[in-house]
């Protein structure tokens, strides 16, 4: 009789051990998932306040209080060049050297160094500026600088600077 019970005993032990193994593996997987969720939640809680523009701005636009706002962004998307709210006053009345879009964080590299606007930055969009050839003594150098966009129009014998 003892020989007949041995296979059932082994089968019963295998089923119990399989159940315990399944339970422990399931518990381990859920612990790992909970730890990953907690890690993601911790990362999402790390926010940083930065200064952003409220509307689209063209190159050469002067920034005023009405153009700027403070927003929170994830720390993972922030970089050291973004203007913090503590430096808000330092960027007022500075001009953009690159166009910016609504909600885009202001970066120090997007701003001029506080120098006067270039000649092309003073010409409103849609307007034309004419230049005349003069000698070095009677001229004002630096009116057109590298990076200015020039559109020659033969009809008006002038240049359009954007």
N, C-alpha and C. Protein backbone atom coordinates (compact mmCIF):
# COMPACT_ATOMS: atom_id res chain seq x y z
N UNK A 1 0.81 -1.18 0.00
CA UNK A 1 0.00 0.00 0.00
C UNK A 1 0.86 1.25 0.00
N UNK A 2 2.02 1.14 0.60
CA UNK A 2 2.89 2.27 0.68
C UNK A 2 3.42 2.66 -0.71
N UNK A 3 3.61 1.75 -1.59
CA UNK A 3 4.11 2.03 -2.92
C UNK A 3 3.08 2.83 -3.72
N UNK A 4 1.83 2.59 -3.54
CA UNK A 4 0.78 3.29 -4.28
C UNK A 4 0.65 4.73 -3.82
N UNK A 5 0.93 5.07 -2.59
CA UNK A 5 0.80 6.44 -2.08
C UNK A 5 1.99 7.33 -2.42
N UNK A 6 3.12 6.75 -2.74
CA UNK A 6 4.33 7.53 -3.02
C UNK A 6 4.16 8.47 -4.22
N UNK A 7 3.61 8.05 -5.36
CA UNK A 7 3.44 9.01 -6.47
C UNK A 7 2.49 10.15 -6.11
N UNK A 8 1.45 9.85 -5.34
CA UNK A 8 0.52 10.92 -4.95
C UNK A 8 1.18 11.91 -3.99
N UNK A 9 2.02 11.41 -3.17
CA UNK A 9 2.74 12.27 -2.24
C UNK A 9 3.71 13.20 -2.98
N UNK A 10 4.40 12.67 -3.96
CA UNK A 10 5.33 13.47 -4.76
C UNK A 10 4.56 14.51 -5.58
N UNK A 11 3.43 14.10 -6.16
CA UNK A 11 2.59 15.02 -6.94
C UNK A 11 2.05 16.13 -6.05
N UNK A 12 1.60 15.79 -4.87
CA UNK A 12 1.07 16.79 -3.94
C UNK A 12 2.16 17.77 -3.53
N UNK A 13 3.34 17.28 -3.25
CA UNK A 13 4.46 18.15 -2.88
C UNK A 13 4.83 19.08 -4.03
N UNK A 14 4.82 18.58 -5.26
CA UNK A 14 5.14 19.40 -6.43
C UNK A 14 4.11 20.50 -6.63
N UNK A 15 2.84 20.18 -6.44
CA UNK A 15 1.77 21.19 -6.59
C UNK A 15 1.91 22.27 -5.52
N UNK A 16 2.17 21.86 -4.28
CA UNK A 16 2.34 22.84 -3.19
C UNK A 16 3.55 23.72 -3.45
N UNK A 17 4.67 23.14 -3.86
CA UNK A 17 5.88 23.93 -4.14
C UNK A 17 5.67 24.86 -5.33
N UNK A 18 4.96 24.41 -6.35
CA UNK A 18 4.64 25.26 -7.50
C UNK A 18 3.77 26.44 -7.09
N UNK A 19 2.80 26.20 -6.22
CA UNK A 19 1.93 27.27 -5.73
C UNK A 19 2.71 28.30 -4.93
N UNK A 20 3.60 27.82 -4.06
CA UNK A 20 4.43 28.74 -3.26
C UNK A 20 5.35 29.55 -4.18
N UNK A 21 5.96 28.91 -5.16
CA UNK A 21 6.84 29.60 -6.12
C UNK A 21 6.08 30.66 -6.91
N UNK A 22 4.87 30.31 -7.35
CA UNK A 22 4.05 31.27 -8.10
C UNK A 22 3.70 32.48 -7.23
N UNK A 23 3.32 32.20 -5.98
CA UNK A 23 2.97 33.28 -5.06
C UNK A 23 4.16 34.21 -4.83
N UNK A 24 5.34 33.64 -4.59
CA UNK A 24 6.53 34.46 -4.34
C UNK A 24 6.96 35.25 -5.58
N UNK A 25 6.90 34.64 -6.74
CA UNK A 25 7.26 35.34 -7.98
C UNK A 25 6.29 36.50 -8.24
N UNK A 26 4.99 36.25 -8.04
CA UNK A 26 3.98 37.29 -8.23
C UNK A 26 4.22 38.46 -7.28
N UNK A 27 4.52 38.13 -6.03
CA UNK A 27 4.77 39.16 -5.02
C UNK A 27 6.01 39.98 -5.39
N UNK A 28 7.06 39.33 -5.86
CA UNK A 28 8.29 40.02 -6.27
C UNK A 28 8.02 40.97 -7.45
N UNK A 29 7.28 40.50 -8.42
CA UNK A 29 6.96 41.33 -9.59
C UNK A 29 6.16 42.56 -9.17
N UNK A 30 5.18 42.39 -8.32
CA UNK A 30 4.38 43.54 -7.86
C UNK A 30 5.22 44.51 -7.04
N UNK A 31 6.15 44.01 -6.24
CA UNK A 31 7.05 44.89 -5.50
C UNK A 31 7.92 45.72 -6.45
N UNK A 32 8.40 45.10 -7.52
CA UNK A 32 9.21 45.81 -8.51
C UNK A 32 8.38 46.88 -9.23
N UNK A 33 7.15 46.56 -9.57
CA UNK A 33 6.26 47.53 -10.23
C UNK A 33 5.98 48.71 -9.30
N UNK A 34 5.70 48.44 -8.04
CA UNK A 34 5.45 49.51 -7.08
C UNK A 34 6.68 50.40 -6.90
N UNK A 35 7.85 49.81 -6.87
CA UNK A 35 9.08 50.60 -6.74
C UNK A 35 9.30 51.48 -7.97
N UNK A 36 9.03 50.94 -9.16
CA UNK A 36 9.18 51.73 -10.39
C UNK A 36 8.18 52.89 -10.42
N UNK A 37 6.94 52.65 -10.00
CA UNK A 37 5.94 53.72 -9.96
C UNK A 37 6.35 54.80 -8.97
N UNK A 38 6.87 54.42 -7.83
CA UNK A 38 7.31 55.40 -6.83
C UNK A 38 8.46 56.23 -7.38
N UNK A 39 9.36 55.60 -8.11
CA UNK A 39 10.49 56.31 -8.70
C UNK A 39 10.01 57.33 -9.74
N UNK A 40 9.06 56.93 -10.58
CA UNK A 40 8.51 57.84 -11.59
C UNK A 40 7.79 59.00 -10.91
N UNK A 41 7.02 58.73 -9.89
CA UNK A 41 6.31 59.80 -9.17
C UNK A 41 7.28 60.77 -8.53
N UNK A 42 8.40 60.28 -7.99
CA UNK A 42 9.40 61.16 -7.40
C UNK A 42 10.01 62.06 -8.46
N UNK A 43 10.31 61.50 -9.64
CA UNK A 43 10.88 62.30 -10.72
C UNK A 43 9.89 63.34 -11.22
N UNK A 44 8.60 63.00 -11.27
CA UNK A 44 7.60 63.94 -11.74
C UNK A 44 7.37 65.07 -10.75
N UNK A 45 7.67 64.84 -9.50
CA UNK A 45 7.48 65.87 -8.49
C UNK A 45 8.57 66.93 -8.58
N UNK A 46 9.70 66.62 -9.20
CA UNK A 46 10.78 67.59 -9.33
C UNK A 46 10.45 68.57 -10.44
N UNK A 47 10.05 69.75 -10.06
CA UNK A 47 9.69 70.80 -11.02
C UNK A 47 10.66 71.96 -10.86
N UNK A 48 10.76 72.76 -11.89
CA UNK A 48 11.61 73.95 -11.86
C UNK A 48 10.85 75.09 -12.50
N UNK A 49 10.89 76.25 -11.90
CA UNK A 49 10.22 77.42 -12.46
C UNK A 49 11.17 78.13 -13.41
N UNK A 50 10.65 78.47 -14.59
CA UNK A 50 11.42 79.19 -15.60
C UNK A 50 10.56 80.30 -16.18
N UNK A 51 11.21 81.26 -16.82
CA UNK A 51 10.52 82.36 -17.49
C UNK A 51 10.24 81.93 -18.92
N UNK A 52 8.99 82.13 -19.38
CA UNK A 52 8.59 81.78 -20.74
C UNK A 52 7.97 83.00 -21.42
N UNK A 53 7.91 82.96 -22.75
CA UNK A 53 7.22 84.04 -23.48
C UNK A 53 5.75 83.66 -23.63
N UNK A 54 4.87 84.68 -23.60
CA UNK A 54 3.43 84.43 -23.68
C UNK A 54 2.92 84.31 -25.10
N UNK A 55 3.65 84.83 -26.07
CA UNK A 55 3.20 84.81 -27.46
C UNK A 55 4.40 84.62 -28.37
N UNK A 56 4.15 84.41 -29.66
CA UNK A 56 5.23 84.30 -30.63
C UNK A 56 5.91 85.66 -30.78
N UNK A 57 7.24 85.65 -30.87
CA UNK A 57 8.01 86.88 -31.03
C UNK A 57 9.04 86.69 -32.13
N UNK A 58 9.23 87.72 -32.93
CA UNK A 58 10.22 87.69 -33.99
C UNK A 58 11.58 88.12 -33.46
N UNK A 59 12.59 87.85 -34.25
CA UNK A 59 13.94 88.28 -33.92
C UNK A 59 13.95 89.81 -33.82
N UNK A 60 14.59 90.33 -32.79
CA UNK A 60 14.68 91.77 -32.60
C UNK A 60 13.60 92.33 -31.70
N UNK A 61 12.62 91.52 -31.31
CA UNK A 61 11.54 92.00 -30.43
C UNK A 61 12.11 92.29 -29.05
N UNK A 62 11.61 93.37 -28.45
CA UNK A 62 12.04 93.76 -27.11
C UNK A 62 11.08 93.15 -26.09
N UNK A 63 11.64 92.51 -25.06
CA UNK A 63 10.81 91.83 -24.07
C UNK A 63 10.36 92.80 -22.98
N UNK A 64 9.05 92.78 -22.68
CA UNK A 64 8.48 93.59 -21.62
C UNK A 64 7.79 92.68 -20.62
N UNK A 65 7.29 93.25 -19.53
CA UNK A 65 6.59 92.45 -18.52
C UNK A 65 5.37 91.75 -19.11
N UNK A 66 4.70 92.39 -20.07
CA UNK A 66 3.51 91.82 -20.69
C UNK A 66 3.83 90.61 -21.57
N UNK A 67 5.08 90.48 -21.99
CA UNK A 67 5.49 89.39 -22.87
C UNK A 67 5.92 88.13 -22.12
N UNK A 68 6.12 88.23 -20.80
CA UNK A 68 6.75 87.14 -20.05
C UNK A 68 5.83 86.58 -18.98
N UNK A 69 6.05 85.32 -18.65
CA UNK A 69 5.32 84.65 -17.57
C UNK A 69 6.26 83.62 -16.93
N UNK A 70 5.90 83.16 -15.75
CA UNK A 70 6.67 82.13 -15.05
C UNK A 70 5.86 80.84 -15.07
N UNK A 71 6.48 79.76 -15.49
CA UNK A 71 5.82 78.46 -15.57
C UNK A 71 6.71 77.40 -14.93
N UNK A 72 6.09 76.29 -14.52
CA UNK A 72 6.84 75.15 -14.01
C UNK A 72 7.02 74.13 -15.11
N UNK A 73 8.23 73.59 -15.18
CA UNK A 73 8.51 72.51 -16.13
C UNK A 73 9.21 71.39 -15.36
N UNK A 74 9.20 70.19 -15.92
CA UNK A 74 9.91 69.07 -15.31
C UNK A 74 11.40 69.35 -15.30
N UNK A 75 12.03 68.99 -14.22
CA UNK A 75 13.47 69.19 -14.06
C UNK A 75 14.25 68.49 -15.17
N UNK A 76 13.75 67.38 -15.68
CA UNK A 76 14.46 66.64 -16.72
C UNK A 76 14.52 67.42 -18.03
N UNK A 77 13.60 68.37 -18.25
CA UNK A 77 13.59 69.14 -19.49
C UNK A 77 14.28 70.49 -19.34
N UNK A 78 14.68 70.85 -18.14
CA UNK A 78 15.31 72.15 -17.89
C UNK A 78 16.81 72.06 -18.14
N UNK A 79 17.39 73.21 -18.51
CA UNK A 79 18.85 73.28 -18.62
C UNK A 79 19.34 74.54 -17.93
N UNK A 80 20.62 74.64 -17.74
CA UNK A 80 21.21 75.74 -16.97
C UNK A 80 21.08 77.08 -17.67
N UNK A 81 20.83 77.10 -18.97
CA UNK A 81 20.74 78.34 -19.73
C UNK A 81 19.36 79.01 -19.61
N UNK A 82 18.38 78.32 -19.07
CA UNK A 82 17.03 78.89 -18.95
C UNK A 82 17.00 79.94 -17.85
N UNK A 83 16.25 81.01 -18.11
CA UNK A 83 16.17 82.13 -17.17
C UNK A 83 15.25 81.75 -16.02
N UNK A 84 15.74 81.92 -14.79
CA UNK A 84 14.93 81.62 -13.61
C UNK A 84 14.16 82.88 -13.20
N UNK A 85 13.08 82.71 -12.42
CA UNK A 85 12.29 83.87 -12.01
C UNK A 85 13.10 84.91 -11.23
N UNK A 86 14.16 84.51 -10.56
CA UNK A 86 15.00 85.45 -9.84
C UNK A 86 15.74 86.41 -10.75
N UNK A 87 15.93 86.04 -11.99
CA UNK A 87 16.63 86.89 -12.98
C UNK A 87 15.64 87.58 -13.92
N UNK A 88 14.36 87.57 -13.56
CA UNK A 88 13.29 88.13 -14.39
C UNK A 88 13.57 89.59 -14.77
N UNK A 89 13.96 90.40 -13.80
CA UNK A 89 14.21 91.83 -14.05
C UNK A 89 15.39 92.04 -14.99
N UNK A 90 16.34 91.12 -15.00
CA UNK A 90 17.54 91.28 -15.83
C UNK A 90 17.26 91.15 -17.32
N UNK A 91 16.16 90.50 -17.68
CA UNK A 91 15.89 90.31 -19.12
C UNK A 91 14.88 91.30 -19.67
N UNK A 92 14.30 92.13 -18.81
CA UNK A 92 13.34 93.12 -19.31
C UNK A 92 14.05 94.12 -20.22
N UNK A 93 13.37 94.49 -21.30
CA UNK A 93 13.86 95.44 -22.30
C UNK A 93 15.05 94.94 -23.09
N UNK A 94 15.36 93.65 -22.99
CA UNK A 94 16.40 93.06 -23.83
C UNK A 94 15.75 92.58 -25.12
N UNK A 95 16.52 92.52 -26.16
CA UNK A 95 16.00 92.11 -27.47
C UNK A 95 16.36 90.65 -27.76
N UNK A 96 15.49 90.00 -28.53
CA UNK A 96 15.71 88.61 -28.92
C UNK A 96 16.62 88.56 -30.14
N UNK A 97 17.57 87.64 -30.13
CA UNK A 97 18.40 87.44 -31.31
C UNK A 97 17.92 86.24 -32.12
N UNK A 98 16.92 85.54 -31.58
CA UNK A 98 16.29 84.41 -32.27
C UNK A 98 14.78 84.53 -32.10
N UNK A 99 13.98 84.07 -33.05
CA UNK A 99 12.53 84.08 -32.85
C UNK A 99 12.13 83.07 -31.77
N UNK A 100 11.05 83.37 -31.05
CA UNK A 100 10.57 82.47 -29.99
C UNK A 100 9.08 82.23 -30.17
N UNK A 101 8.62 81.05 -29.72
CA UNK A 101 7.22 80.67 -29.83
C UNK A 101 6.53 80.70 -28.47
N UNK A 102 5.22 80.81 -28.49
CA UNK A 102 4.41 80.89 -27.29
C UNK A 102 4.73 79.73 -26.34
N UNK A 103 5.02 80.05 -25.07
CA UNK A 103 5.28 79.04 -24.06
C UNK A 103 6.70 78.53 -24.02
N UNK A 104 7.54 78.97 -24.93
CA UNK A 104 8.93 78.52 -24.98
C UNK A 104 9.74 79.19 -23.86
N UNK A 105 10.52 78.42 -23.10
CA UNK A 105 11.34 79.02 -22.05
C UNK A 105 12.40 79.96 -22.62
N UNK A 106 12.60 81.09 -21.97
CA UNK A 106 13.61 82.06 -22.39
C UNK A 106 14.98 81.55 -21.93
N UNK A 107 15.92 81.57 -22.86
CA UNK A 107 17.28 81.17 -22.54
C UNK A 107 18.20 82.37 -22.75
N UNK A 108 19.26 82.43 -21.97
CA UNK A 108 20.18 83.57 -22.06
C UNK A 108 20.77 83.69 -23.46
N UNK A 109 20.97 82.58 -24.15
CA UNK A 109 21.55 82.64 -25.50
C UNK A 109 20.58 83.20 -26.52
N UNK A 110 19.30 83.33 -26.17
CA UNK A 110 18.31 83.91 -27.09
C UNK A 110 18.29 85.42 -27.00
N UNK A 111 18.99 86.00 -26.05
CA UNK A 111 18.92 87.44 -25.78
C UNK A 111 20.18 88.15 -26.23
N UNK A 112 20.02 89.42 -26.64
CA UNK A 112 21.18 90.21 -27.00
C UNK A 112 21.98 90.55 -25.74
N UNK A 113 23.14 91.10 -25.93
CA UNK A 113 24.00 91.42 -24.79
C UNK A 113 23.70 92.83 -24.26
N UNK A 114 22.53 93.37 -24.55
CA UNK A 114 22.19 94.71 -24.09
C UNK A 114 22.72 95.78 -25.00
N UNK A 115 23.17 95.41 -26.20
CA UNK A 115 23.69 96.38 -27.15
C UNK A 115 22.53 96.94 -27.97
N UNK A 116 22.71 98.10 -28.59
CA UNK A 116 21.65 98.66 -29.43
C UNK A 116 21.28 97.70 -30.56
N UNK A 117 20.06 97.78 -31.01
CA UNK A 117 19.58 96.91 -32.08
C UNK A 117 20.33 97.20 -33.38
N UNK A 118 20.50 96.17 -34.19
CA UNK A 118 21.13 96.36 -35.50
C UNK A 118 20.19 97.13 -36.41
N UNK A 119 20.73 97.63 -37.49
CA UNK A 119 19.93 98.40 -38.44
C UNK A 119 18.74 97.58 -38.95
N UNK A 120 18.99 96.31 -39.27
CA UNK A 120 17.91 95.48 -39.79
C UNK A 120 16.86 95.20 -38.72
N UNK A 121 17.24 95.19 -37.44
CA UNK A 121 16.28 94.98 -36.37
C UNK A 121 15.36 96.16 -36.15
N UNK A 122 15.73 97.33 -36.66
CA UNK A 122 14.92 98.53 -36.49
C UNK A 122 13.90 98.72 -37.61
N UNK A 123 14.05 97.97 -38.71
CA UNK A 123 13.14 98.10 -39.85
C UNK A 123 11.94 97.19 -39.62
N UNK A 124 10.72 97.74 -39.56
CA UNK A 124 9.53 96.90 -39.34
C UNK A 124 9.31 95.92 -40.49
N UNK A 125 8.70 94.76 -40.22
CA UNK A 125 8.41 93.80 -41.28
C UNK A 125 7.55 94.43 -42.38
N UNK A 126 7.89 94.13 -43.61
CA UNK A 126 7.14 94.66 -44.75
C UNK A 126 7.69 95.98 -45.26
N UNK A 127 8.57 96.58 -44.54
CA UNK A 127 9.17 97.86 -44.95
C UNK A 127 10.50 97.59 -45.64
N UNK A 128 10.98 98.57 -46.40
CA UNK A 128 12.26 98.45 -47.09
C UNK A 128 13.23 99.48 -46.55
N UNK A 129 14.47 99.11 -46.54
CA UNK A 129 15.53 100.03 -46.15
C UNK A 129 16.47 100.18 -47.32
N UNK A 130 16.90 101.40 -47.58
CA UNK A 130 17.83 101.67 -48.67
C UNK A 130 19.19 102.00 -48.08
N UNK A 131 20.20 101.53 -48.74
CA UNK A 131 21.55 101.89 -48.34
C UNK A 131 22.23 102.53 -49.53
N UNK A 132 23.15 103.41 -49.23
CA UNK A 132 23.88 104.12 -50.28
C UNK A 132 25.37 103.93 -50.05
N UNK A 133 26.08 103.80 -51.16
CA UNK A 133 27.52 103.59 -51.05
C UNK A 133 28.19 104.91 -50.69
N UNK A 134 28.98 104.87 -49.63
CA UNK A 134 29.75 106.04 -49.21
C UNK A 134 31.15 105.58 -48.84
N UNK A 135 32.04 106.53 -48.66
CA UNK A 135 33.41 106.15 -48.28
C UNK A 135 33.49 105.87 -46.78
N UNK A 136 34.62 105.34 -46.35
CA UNK A 136 34.80 104.95 -44.95
C UNK A 136 34.76 106.13 -44.00
N UNK A 137 35.16 107.29 -44.43
CA UNK A 137 35.22 108.45 -43.55
C UNK A 137 33.82 108.96 -43.23
N UNK A 138 32.91 108.98 -44.20
CA UNK A 138 31.57 109.52 -44.02
C UNK A 138 30.51 108.46 -43.72
N UNK A 139 30.92 107.29 -43.40
CA UNK A 139 29.94 106.22 -43.19
C UNK A 139 29.83 105.86 -41.72
N UNK A 140 28.78 105.15 -41.41
CA UNK A 140 28.60 104.57 -40.08
C UNK A 140 28.76 103.07 -40.23
N UNK A 141 29.86 102.54 -39.79
CA UNK A 141 30.08 101.11 -39.96
C UNK A 141 29.20 100.32 -39.00
N UNK A 142 28.92 99.08 -39.33
CA UNK A 142 28.15 98.20 -38.45
C UNK A 142 26.66 98.27 -38.67
N UNK A 143 26.20 98.95 -39.71
CA UNK A 143 24.76 99.04 -39.95
C UNK A 143 24.18 97.69 -40.33
N UNK A 144 24.84 96.99 -41.22
CA UNK A 144 24.40 95.64 -41.59
C UNK A 144 25.46 94.68 -41.05
N UNK A 145 24.99 93.70 -40.32
CA UNK A 145 25.91 92.77 -39.68
C UNK A 145 25.71 91.37 -40.23
N UNK A 146 26.69 90.50 -40.06
CA UNK A 146 26.51 89.11 -40.53
C UNK A 146 25.28 88.48 -39.89
N UNK A 147 24.50 87.75 -40.69
CA UNK A 147 23.28 87.10 -40.20
C UNK A 147 22.03 87.85 -40.60
N UNK A 148 22.17 89.14 -41.05
CA UNK A 148 20.99 89.87 -41.53
C UNK A 148 20.54 89.27 -42.85
N UNK A 149 19.24 89.21 -43.05
CA UNK A 149 18.68 88.67 -44.30
C UNK A 149 18.38 89.84 -45.23
N UNK A 150 18.93 89.78 -46.43
CA UNK A 150 18.78 90.89 -47.37
C UNK A 150 18.09 90.38 -48.63
N UNK A 151 17.10 91.14 -49.10
CA UNK A 151 16.33 90.78 -50.28
C UNK A 151 16.45 91.93 -51.28
N UNK A 152 17.22 91.72 -52.35
CA UNK A 152 17.41 92.76 -53.34
C UNK A 152 16.20 92.83 -54.26
N UNK A 153 15.69 94.02 -54.49
CA UNK A 153 14.54 94.22 -55.36
C UNK A 153 14.95 95.15 -56.50
N UNK A 154 15.07 94.66 -57.75
CA UNK A 154 15.50 95.52 -58.86
C UNK A 154 14.49 96.63 -59.16
N UNK A 155 13.20 96.41 -58.87
CA UNK A 155 12.19 97.43 -59.16
C UNK A 155 12.41 98.69 -58.31
N UNK A 156 12.82 98.50 -57.06
CA UNK A 156 12.96 99.66 -56.17
C UNK A 156 14.41 100.08 -56.01
N UNK A 157 15.33 99.34 -56.67
CA UNK A 157 16.77 99.61 -56.54
C UNK A 157 17.17 99.70 -55.07
N UNK A 158 16.61 98.85 -54.24
CA UNK A 158 16.94 98.90 -52.82
C UNK A 158 17.06 97.52 -52.23
N UNK A 159 17.23 97.49 -50.97
CA UNK A 159 17.37 96.25 -50.26
C UNK A 159 16.29 96.17 -49.20
N UNK A 160 15.74 95.00 -49.02
CA UNK A 160 14.79 94.76 -47.94
C UNK A 160 15.51 93.93 -46.90
N UNK A 161 15.56 94.44 -45.70
CA UNK A 161 16.24 93.74 -44.63
C UNK A 161 15.20 93.24 -43.67
N UNK A 162 15.25 91.93 -43.40
CA UNK A 162 14.28 91.34 -42.47
C UNK A 162 14.95 91.02 -41.18
